[in-house]
Protein backbone atom coordinates (compact mmCIF):
# COMPACT_ATOMS: atom_id res chain seq x y z
CA UNK A 1 39.23 -6.96 36.09
CA UNK A 2 38.91 -3.25 35.48
CA UNK A 3 40.24 -3.48 32.08
CA UNK A 4 37.81 -6.06 31.00
CA UNK A 5 35.03 -3.84 32.19
CA UNK A 6 36.40 -0.90 30.46
CA UNK A 7 36.74 -2.84 27.22
CA UNK A 8 33.16 -4.16 27.62
CA UNK A 9 31.89 -0.62 28.08
CA UNK A 10 33.57 0.69 25.30
CA UNK A 11 32.48 -2.10 22.73
CA UNK A 12 28.95 -1.45 24.10
CA UNK A 13 29.22 2.25 23.34
CA UNK A 14 30.72 1.72 20.03
CA UNK A 15 28.29 -0.82 19.06
CA UNK A 16 25.35 1.33 20.24
CA UNK A 17 26.57 4.02 17.72
CA UNK A 18 26.55 1.68 14.78
CA UNK A 19 22.84 0.96 15.26
CA UNK A 20 21.66 4.35 16.49
CA UNK A 21 20.40 5.97 13.28
CA UNK A 22 20.23 9.51 12.25
CA UNK A 23 19.75 12.27 14.93
CA UNK A 24 18.53 15.66 13.82
CA UNK A 25 18.77 18.55 15.94
CA UNK A 26 16.70 21.51 15.21
CA UNK A 27 15.91 24.97 16.80
CA UNK A 28 12.69 25.37 18.52
CA UNK A 29 11.98 28.57 16.33
CA UNK A 30 12.39 26.56 13.14
CA UNK A 31 9.00 25.26 11.69
CA UNK A 32 8.71 21.52 11.89
CA UNK A 33 5.72 19.40 10.53
CA UNK A 34 5.82 15.87 12.16
CA UNK A 35 2.86 14.74 9.72
CA UNK A 36 4.85 15.64 6.78
CA UNK A 37 7.73 13.57 7.79
CA UNK A 38 5.31 10.67 8.59
CA UNK A 39 3.76 10.98 5.36
CA UNK A 40 7.08 11.10 3.53
CA UNK A 41 8.30 7.87 5.58
CA UNK A 42 5.03 6.23 4.36
CA UNK A 43 5.72 7.21 0.69
CA UNK A 44 9.14 6.00 0.85
CA UNK A 45 8.08 2.62 2.46
CA UNK A 46 5.30 2.17 -0.25
CA UNK A 47 7.93 2.82 -2.99
CA UNK A 48 10.17 0.24 -1.36
CA UNK A 49 7.55 -2.35 -1.23
CA UNK A 50 6.46 -1.71 -4.91
CA UNK A 51 10.22 -2.20 -5.99
CA UNK A 52 10.28 -5.47 -4.05
CA UNK A 53 7.06 -6.57 -5.41
CA UNK A 54 8.39 -5.74 -8.91
CA UNK A 55 11.64 -7.56 -8.54
CA UNK A 56 9.73 -10.77 -7.62
CA UNK A 57 7.88 -10.96 -10.86
CA UNK A 58 9.46 -13.35 -13.36
CA UNK A 59 8.99 -12.83 -17.06
CA UNK A 60 10.06 -15.36 -19.50
CA UNK A 61 10.57 -15.03 -23.23
CA UNK A 62 9.93 -18.63 -23.83
CA UNK A 63 8.47 -21.47 -21.76
CA UNK A 64 10.43 -24.39 -20.51
CA UNK A 65 10.14 -27.68 -21.90
CA UNK A 66 7.07 -29.82 -20.86
CA UNK A 67 4.61 -27.05 -20.16
CA UNK A 68 0.93 -27.93 -20.57
CA UNK A 69 -1.66 -25.23 -21.70
CA UNK A 70 -4.67 -24.92 -19.44
CA UNK A 71 -7.66 -23.21 -20.63
CA UNK A 72 -10.00 -22.75 -17.47
CA UNK A 73 -10.73 -20.38 -15.79
CA UNK A 74 -8.52 -18.40 -18.35
CA UNK A 75 -5.59 -19.43 -20.76
CA UNK A 76 -2.26 -19.87 -19.05
CA UNK A 77 0.56 -22.58 -19.02
CA UNK A 78 1.40 -24.93 -16.18
CA UNK A 79 5.15 -25.79 -16.07
CA UNK A 80 6.81 -27.82 -13.19
CA UNK A 81 4.30 -26.84 -10.68
CA UNK A 82 4.62 -22.97 -11.76
CA UNK A 83 2.12 -21.19 -13.69
CA UNK A 84 2.48 -18.66 -16.51
CA UNK A 85 0.15 -16.45 -18.34
CA UNK A 86 1.03 -15.24 -22.08
CA UNK A 87 1.18 -11.36 -22.28
CA UNK A 88 1.74 -9.28 -25.52
CA UNK A 89 4.34 -6.72 -25.35
CA UNK A 90 5.64 -4.76 -28.31
CA UNK A 91 4.74 -7.46 -30.91
CA UNK A 92 6.47 -10.09 -28.61
CA UNK A 93 4.65 -12.95 -26.55
CA UNK A 94 6.14 -12.97 -23.08
CA UNK A 95 4.94 -15.10 -20.14
CA UNK A 96 4.50 -13.72 -16.47
CA UNK A 97 4.74 -16.15 -13.66
CA UNK A 98 1.32 -16.14 -11.75
CA UNK A 99 -0.26 -17.69 -8.79
CA UNK A 100 -1.99 -21.12 -9.78
CA UNK A 101 -5.61 -20.17 -10.42
CA UNK A 102 -8.37 -21.56 -8.25
CA UNK A 103 -10.60 -24.01 -10.32
CA UNK A 104 -13.94 -24.90 -9.46
CA UNK A 105 -14.12 -28.82 -9.39
């Protein structure tokens, strides 16, 4: 029973080290700006969110078969339940996936 308890305690200690994160020790005489750290963490989070949102953008060079052009409220294409809006980039027409527009009926 003692061996089981020691193994369980050892496993718990090892697992807690895996999830502990980084620990930084500073001398009290060193200057430390907690607000600058907070601001940097916020900027890093915004950057990761911007990258995540950019990765979700779908850009097509050609539309799939069966797309229907729609002109209201603006020009876009409806393809198999998805909506794409044309976009000119370097003299080439690309199609960016968009949320379906709200139409006034």
